[in-house]
């Protein structure tokens, strides 16, 4: 079975590094080495409509990320110019800077908004080996915190959900948000899970080893109250690993999803956390789902210039 894929010209003058839909799937943000961010309205049955250009960075823009809509139309961007910029739309289509962070000494490679339950809070990962936490509240305004996360560089960051595991199936669990946590991937071949201590105001790490080269991306799966936490990580060595943990006392279990035979660049979970999209160096995006036997299988793939096909084995062309 094949479904036609759709593409459109963004108007960027150089390589596109990232594209992200907002919470409602109505706005699309793209960013590029041309230093621009572009905003598009997504239309049913028609190509997206370009509505805004955003300029403010002095180097390639690597990632964009939408905040939860309870904070308005807020977009974050990070760049090779070592900065993170928070943008807000004024209601008339004009995007303005509301905060610029210049904590880092090298390229900022990845950004991720925390769940809205924690307020307006952003994590940023940099090639200087540090992660910064940028937050805003009404009484203190914007605050920034930076700490060393990996010995070399940090390539990716992703927040954990603000839903306690097993809360859907165990109504007797105590009410309250779980600990703030996020995951990072580094050039030191490591994945690290960070947990915040409200008492000490510090972040502590649990290290997950399993990759043989730079970890290119990490993605913490959404959790709707199911009994475990799940993290996916991908690597320059072509491997994608699924890490799972059932409760606070257990160790993270490691399962290799697939070895793609070349670099794997990006990962993205479905909103329900049961389907993983993998972007690999062969210009393909494949979709993976876990079966009842706890094994992952490819359910569809999208190749450049082709339609979506299912099922397919992406190793067939490697």
Protein backbone atom coordinates (compact mmCIF):
# COMPACT_ATOMS: atom_id res chain seq x y z
CA UNK A 1 0.00 0.00 0.00
CA UNK A 2 1.31 3.45 -0.90
CA UNK A 3 0.06 6.88 0.12
CA UNK A 4 1.19 9.98 -1.72
CA UNK A 5 3.42 12.33 0.22
CA UNK A 6 3.16 16.11 -0.10
CA UNK A 7 5.96 18.64 -0.27
CA UNK A 8 6.17 22.41 -0.73
CA UNK A 9 8.83 25.07 -1.16
CA UNK A 10 9.61 26.96 2.03
CA UNK A 11 11.58 29.75 0.37
CA UNK A 12 14.62 29.16 2.55
CA UNK A 13 17.91 29.97 0.81
CA UNK A 14 19.92 27.21 2.53
CA UNK A 15 19.61 23.89 4.35
CA UNK A 16 16.56 23.43 6.58
CA UNK A 17 17.55 22.07 9.99
CA UNK A 18 14.20 21.74 11.75
CA UNK A 19 10.44 22.08 11.33
CA UNK A 20 7.87 21.95 14.11
CA UNK A 21 4.08 22.08 14.26
CA UNK A 22 2.43 23.97 17.10
CA UNK A 23 0.17 22.32 19.69
CA UNK A 24 -2.90 22.42 17.43
CA UNK A 25 -1.09 21.50 14.22
CA UNK A 26 -2.19 24.80 12.63
CA UNK A 27 1.15 26.62 12.49
CA UNK A 28 4.44 25.29 11.15
CA UNK A 29 7.82 26.82 12.02
CA UNK A 30 10.93 26.07 9.96
CA UNK A 31 14.55 27.16 10.48
CA UNK A 32 17.58 27.15 8.26
CA UNK A 33 21.25 27.89 7.75
CA UNK A 34 20.06 31.07 6.01
CA UNK A 35 19.53 32.41 9.57
CA UNK A 36 15.77 32.76 9.10
CA UNK A 37 12.76 31.25 10.81
CA UNK A 38 9.61 31.00 8.71
CA UNK A 39 6.04 30.58 9.91
CA UNK A 40 3.37 28.87 7.81
CA UNK A 41 -0.35 28.33 8.30
CA UNK A 42 -1.25 24.68 7.68
CA UNK A 43 -4.29 24.25 5.44
CA UNK A 44 -6.36 21.11 4.94
CA UNK A 45 -5.93 19.84 1.40
CA UNK A 46 -3.72 22.73 0.30
CA UNK A 47 -0.04 23.71 0.63
CA UNK A 48 0.90 25.66 3.77
CA UNK A 49 0.62 29.44 3.52
CA UNK A 50 3.67 31.52 4.38
CA UNK A 51 2.71 34.17 6.97
CA UNK A 52 5.94 35.44 8.57
CA UNK A 53 9.71 35.64 8.39
CA UNK A 54 11.61 35.95 11.66
CA UNK A 55 15.18 37.25 11.66
CA UNK A 56 17.38 37.71 14.71
CA UNK A 57 20.15 35.12 14.76
CA UNK A 58 23.67 35.76 13.43
CA UNK A 59 24.27 32.15 12.37
CA UNK A 60 22.49 28.99 11.24
CA UNK A 61 19.34 28.27 13.24
CA UNK A 62 19.36 24.63 14.34
CA UNK A 63 16.06 24.09 16.14
CA UNK A 64 12.71 25.72 16.88
CA UNK A 65 10.23 24.72 19.57
CA UNK A 66 6.67 25.87 20.36
CA UNK A 67 5.60 26.53 23.92
CA UNK A 68 2.22 25.33 25.18
CA UNK A 69 -0.62 27.60 23.92
CA UNK A 70 -1.60 28.58 27.48
CA UNK A 71 1.38 30.97 27.26
CA UNK A 72 0.23 32.44 23.93
CA UNK A 73 2.04 32.05 20.61
CA UNK A 74 5.56 31.59 21.97
CA UNK A 75 8.41 30.10 19.95
CA UNK A 76 12.01 29.37 20.98
CA UNK A 77 14.99 29.09 18.62
CA UNK A 78 18.65 28.16 19.03
CA UNK A 79 21.61 28.82 16.81
CA UNK A 80 25.24 28.36 15.93
CA UNK A 81 25.65 31.96 17.15
CA UNK A 82 25.54 30.57 20.74
CA UNK A 83 22.20 32.17 21.59
CA UNK A 84 18.67 31.11 22.44
CA UNK A 85 15.87 33.52 21.53
CA UNK A 86 12.31 33.45 22.84
CA UNK A 87 9.81 34.98 20.40
CA UNK A 88 6.17 35.97 20.89
CA UNK A 89 3.51 36.89 18.37
CA UNK A 90 1.62 40.07 19.21
CA UNK A 91 -1.70 39.03 17.70
CA UNK A 92 -1.20 41.03 14.53
CA UNK A 93 1.28 38.67 12.90
CA UNK A 94 4.40 40.41 14.23
CA UNK A 95 6.98 38.35 16.11
CA UNK A 96 9.16 40.10 18.69
CA UNK A 97 11.99 39.00 20.96
CA UNK A 98 10.90 38.69 24.57
CA UNK A 99 14.16 37.17 25.83
CA UNK A 100 17.65 36.48 24.50
CA UNK A 101 19.95 34.07 26.35
CA UNK A 102 23.70 34.16 25.72
CA UNK A 103 24.90 31.83 28.47
CA UNK A 104 26.75 29.43 26.18
CA UNK A 105 30.30 29.62 24.80
CA UNK A 106 29.68 27.48 21.71
CA UNK A 107 26.84 26.51 19.37
CA UNK A 108 23.44 25.80 20.94
CA UNK A 109 22.29 22.60 19.25
CA UNK A 110 18.94 21.67 20.78
CA UNK A 111 16.07 23.13 22.80
CA UNK A 112 13.02 21.64 24.50
CA UNK A 113 10.12 23.19 26.43
CA UNK A 114 9.17 21.62 29.73
CA UNK A 115 5.59 20.40 30.26
CA UNK A 116 3.33 23.40 30.88
CA UNK A 117 2.65 22.19 34.45
CA UNK A 118 6.15 23.45 35.33
CA UNK A 119 5.54 26.92 33.92
CA UNK A 120 7.33 28.56 31.00
CA UNK A 121 10.62 26.66 31.19
CA UNK A 122 13.09 25.77 28.43
CA UNK A 123 16.17 23.52 28.37
CA UNK A 124 18.99 24.23 25.90
CA UNK A 125 21.91 21.95 24.97
CA UNK A 126 25.25 23.28 23.73
CA UNK A 127 28.52 22.13 22.18
CA UNK A 128 30.28 23.68 25.20
CA UNK A 129 29.14 20.61 27.18
CA UNK A 130 26.57 22.49 29.23
CA UNK A 131 22.79 22.57 29.52
CA UNK A 132 20.96 25.76 30.46
CA UNK A 133 17.50 26.11 32.00
CA UNK A 134 15.66 29.30 31.02
CA UNK A 135 12.45 30.03 32.93
CA UNK A 136 9.94 32.82 33.44
CA UNK A 137 7.48 33.62 36.20
CA UNK A 138 5.50 36.72 37.07
CA UNK A 139 7.42 37.61 40.24
CA UNK A 140 11.03 37.00 39.12
CA UNK A 141 10.83 37.55 35.38
CA UNK A 142 13.37 35.57 33.33
CA UNK A 143 15.91 33.41 35.16
CA UNK A 144 18.80 31.36 33.75
CA UNK A 145 20.83 28.46 35.12
CA UNK A 146 23.69 26.58 33.44
CA UNK A 147 25.53 23.41 34.43
CA UNK A 148 27.95 20.93 32.85
CA UNK A 149 26.16 17.91 31.39
CA UNK A 150 28.64 16.04 29.14
CA UNK A 151 32.43 16.03 28.88
CA UNK A 152 32.47 17.08 25.23
CA UNK A 153 29.31 18.52 23.66
CA UNK A 154 25.56 18.13 24.18
CA UNK A 155 23.68 17.41 20.97
CA UNK A 156 20.10 16.89 22.12
CA UNK A 157 17.70 17.45 25.01
CA UNK A 158 14.12 16.28 25.68
CA UNK A 159 11.87 16.78 28.71
CA UNK A 160 10.11 13.97 30.51
CA UNK A 161 6.31 14.08 30.90
CA UNK A 162 4.58 15.64 33.90
CA UNK A 163 2.46 12.52 34.37
CA UNK A 164 3.42 9.91 36.93
CA UNK A 165 3.86 6.44 35.37
CA UNK A 166 0.98 4.03 36.13
CA UNK A 167 -1.33 6.86 37.24
CA UNK A 168 -3.84 5.75 34.59
CA UNK A 169 -4.07 2.20 35.96
CA UNK A 170 -3.52 2.90 39.65
CA UNK A 171 -6.02 5.35 41.12
CA UNK A 172 -4.53 4.93 44.60
CA UNK A 173 -1.31 6.73 43.64
CA UNK A 174 -0.70 10.01 45.52
CA UNK A 175 -1.78 13.15 43.69
CA UNK A 176 0.99 15.49 42.59
CA UNK A 177 3.40 16.13 39.77
CA UNK A 178 6.41 13.83 39.40
CA UNK A 179 9.95 15.10 39.68
CA UNK A 180 11.13 17.43 36.94
CA UNK A 181 13.32 15.44 34.59
CA UNK A 182 14.83 15.54 31.12
CA UNK A 183 17.25 13.50 29.02
CA UNK A 184 20.35 14.58 27.10
CA UNK A 185 22.55 12.98 24.46
CA UNK A 186 26.21 13.86 24.07
CA UNK A 187 29.28 13.57 21.88
CA UNK A 188 30.78 11.42 24.68
CA UNK A 189 28.53 8.53 23.47
CA UNK A 190 26.35 8.79 26.58
CA UNK A 191 22.69 9.35 27.34
CA UNK A 192 21.97 11.03 30.68
CA UNK A 193 18.69 11.29 32.57
CA UNK A 194 18.55 14.41 34.77
CA UNK A 195 16.32 14.82 37.83
CA UNK A 196 15.75 18.05 39.76
CA UNK A 197 15.93 18.29 43.54
CA UNK A 198 13.60 21.00 44.87
CA UNK A 199 15.42 20.83 48.23
CA UNK A 200 18.93 21.44 46.90
CA UNK A 201 17.98 23.31 43.72
CA UNK A 202 20.34 21.02 41.77
CA UNK A 203 20.18 18.59 38.86
CA UNK A 204 21.61 15.08 39.22
CA UNK A 205 22.27 12.62 36.39
CA UNK A 206 21.81 8.92 35.78
CA UNK A 207 24.10 7.75 32.96
CA UNK A 208 22.96 5.30 30.28
CA UNK A 209 25.76 3.73 28.19
CA UNK A 210 25.14 1.76 25.04
CA UNK A 211 26.09 3.80 21.99
CA UNK A 212 29.42 3.63 20.18
CA UNK A 213 29.57 7.14 18.76
CA UNK A 214 28.01 10.59 19.09
CA UNK A 215 24.42 10.49 20.32
CA UNK A 216 22.58 12.64 17.78
CA UNK A 217 19.11 12.84 19.30
CA UNK A 218 17.04 11.79 22.30
CA UNK A 219 13.26 11.76 22.67
CA UNK A 220 11.27 11.07 25.84
CA UNK A 221 7.95 9.46 24.95
CA UNK A 222 4.71 11.10 26.09
CA UNK A 223 3.12 9.22 28.96
CA UNK A 224 -0.66 9.06 29.40
CA UNK A 225 -0.38 7.27 32.73
CA UNK A 226 0.92 3.91 31.51
CA UNK A 227 3.20 1.88 33.82
CA UNK A 228 6.60 2.87 32.39
CA UNK A 229 8.76 5.69 31.09
CA UNK A 230 10.31 5.30 27.64
CA UNK A 231 13.22 7.14 26.02
CA UNK A 232 14.57 6.70 22.50
CA UNK A 233 18.13 7.63 21.52
CA UNK A 234 19.89 7.54 18.14
CA UNK A 235 23.51 7.66 17.19
CA UNK A 236 26.10 8.34 14.54
CA UNK A 237 26.77 4.58 14.57
CA UNK A 238 23.33 3.92 13.07
CA UNK A 239 21.72 2.39 16.14
CA UNK A 240 18.45 3.39 17.78
CA UNK A 241 18.03 2.27 21.39
CA UNK A 242 14.81 2.18 23.41
CA UNK A 243 15.29 2.72 27.15
CA UNK A 244 12.42 1.83 29.50
CA UNK A 245 11.87 2.01 33.23
CA UNK A 246 8.83 0.77 35.11
CA UNK A 247 9.28 2.50 38.47
CA UNK A 248 11.67 4.79 40.35
CA UNK A 249 13.59 1.95 41.97
CA UNK A 250 14.26 -0.10 38.83
CA UNK A 251 17.14 0.39 36.39
CA UNK A 252 16.66 1.51 32.81
CA UNK A 253 16.29 -1.48 30.48
CA UNK A 254 17.95 -1.26 27.06
CA UNK A 255 16.53 -2.64 23.81
CA UNK A 256 17.96 -2.02 20.34
CA UNK A 257 15.19 -1.00 17.97
CA UNK A 258 17.23 -1.34 14.76
CA UNK A 259 20.67 -0.77 13.28
CA UNK A 260 20.31 1.39 10.17
CA UNK A 261 23.84 0.98 8.82
CA UNK A 262 24.44 4.73 8.76
CA UNK A 263 23.90 7.84 10.89
CA UNK A 264 20.48 8.40 12.45
CA UNK A 265 19.76 12.08 12.93
CA UNK A 266 16.37 12.70 14.52
CA UNK A 267 13.61 10.98 16.51
CA UNK A 268 10.02 11.95 17.21
CA UNK A 269 7.21 10.24 19.15
CA UNK A 270 3.52 10.29 18.31
CA UNK A 271 1.35 12.22 20.78
CA UNK A 272 0.26 8.95 22.40
CA UNK A 273 3.85 7.72 22.74
CA UNK A 274 3.35 4.40 20.94
CA UNK A 275 4.82 5.18 17.49
CA UNK A 276 8.38 6.40 16.89
CA UNK A 277 9.50 8.25 13.76
CA UNK A 278 13.17 7.80 12.82
CA UNK A 279 15.03 10.04 10.38
CA UNK A 280 18.09 8.23 9.00
CA UNK A 281 21.04 9.19 6.84
CA UNK A 282 19.63 7.44 3.76
CA UNK A 283 17.04 10.24 3.39
CA UNK A 284 14.24 8.07 4.77
CA UNK A 285 11.78 8.50 7.62
CA UNK A 286 10.49 5.23 9.06
CA UNK A 287 7.70 4.64 11.58
CA UNK A 288 8.12 1.99 14.29
CA UNK A 289 5.60 0.44 16.69
CA UNK A 290 5.98 -1.96 19.58
CA UNK A 291 4.00 -5.20 19.39
CA UNK A 292 2.44 -7.27 22.14
CA UNK A 293 5.61 -9.39 22.12
CA UNK A 294 7.66 -6.30 23.13
CA UNK A 295 9.37 -6.29 19.73
CA UNK A 296 9.50 -3.21 17.51
CA UNK A 297 8.55 -3.40 13.86
CA UNK A 298 8.56 -0.91 11.00
CA UNK A 299 5.00 -0.05 9.93
CA UNK A 300 5.75 2.50 7.19
CA UNK A 301 8.51 4.47 5.52
CA UNK A 302 8.81 7.68 3.57
CA UNK A 303 11.65 8.17 1.11
CA UNK A 304 12.58 11.45 -0.54
CA UNK A 305 10.47 11.97 -3.66
CA UNK A 306 8.33 8.89 -2.99
CA UNK A 307 5.05 8.08 -1.29
CA UNK A 308 4.53 6.47 2.08
CA UNK A 309 4.72 2.67 1.93
CA UNK A 310 3.82 0.01 4.49
CA UNK A 311 5.09 -2.35 5.60
CA UNK A 312 8.77 -2.11 4.72
CA UNK A 313 12.12 -3.23 6.06
CA UNK A 314 14.50 -0.24 5.91
CA UNK A 315 17.51 -2.57 6.07
CA UNK A 316 16.66 -3.97 2.65
CA UNK A 317 18.49 -1.13 0.88
CA UNK A 318 21.51 -1.05 3.17
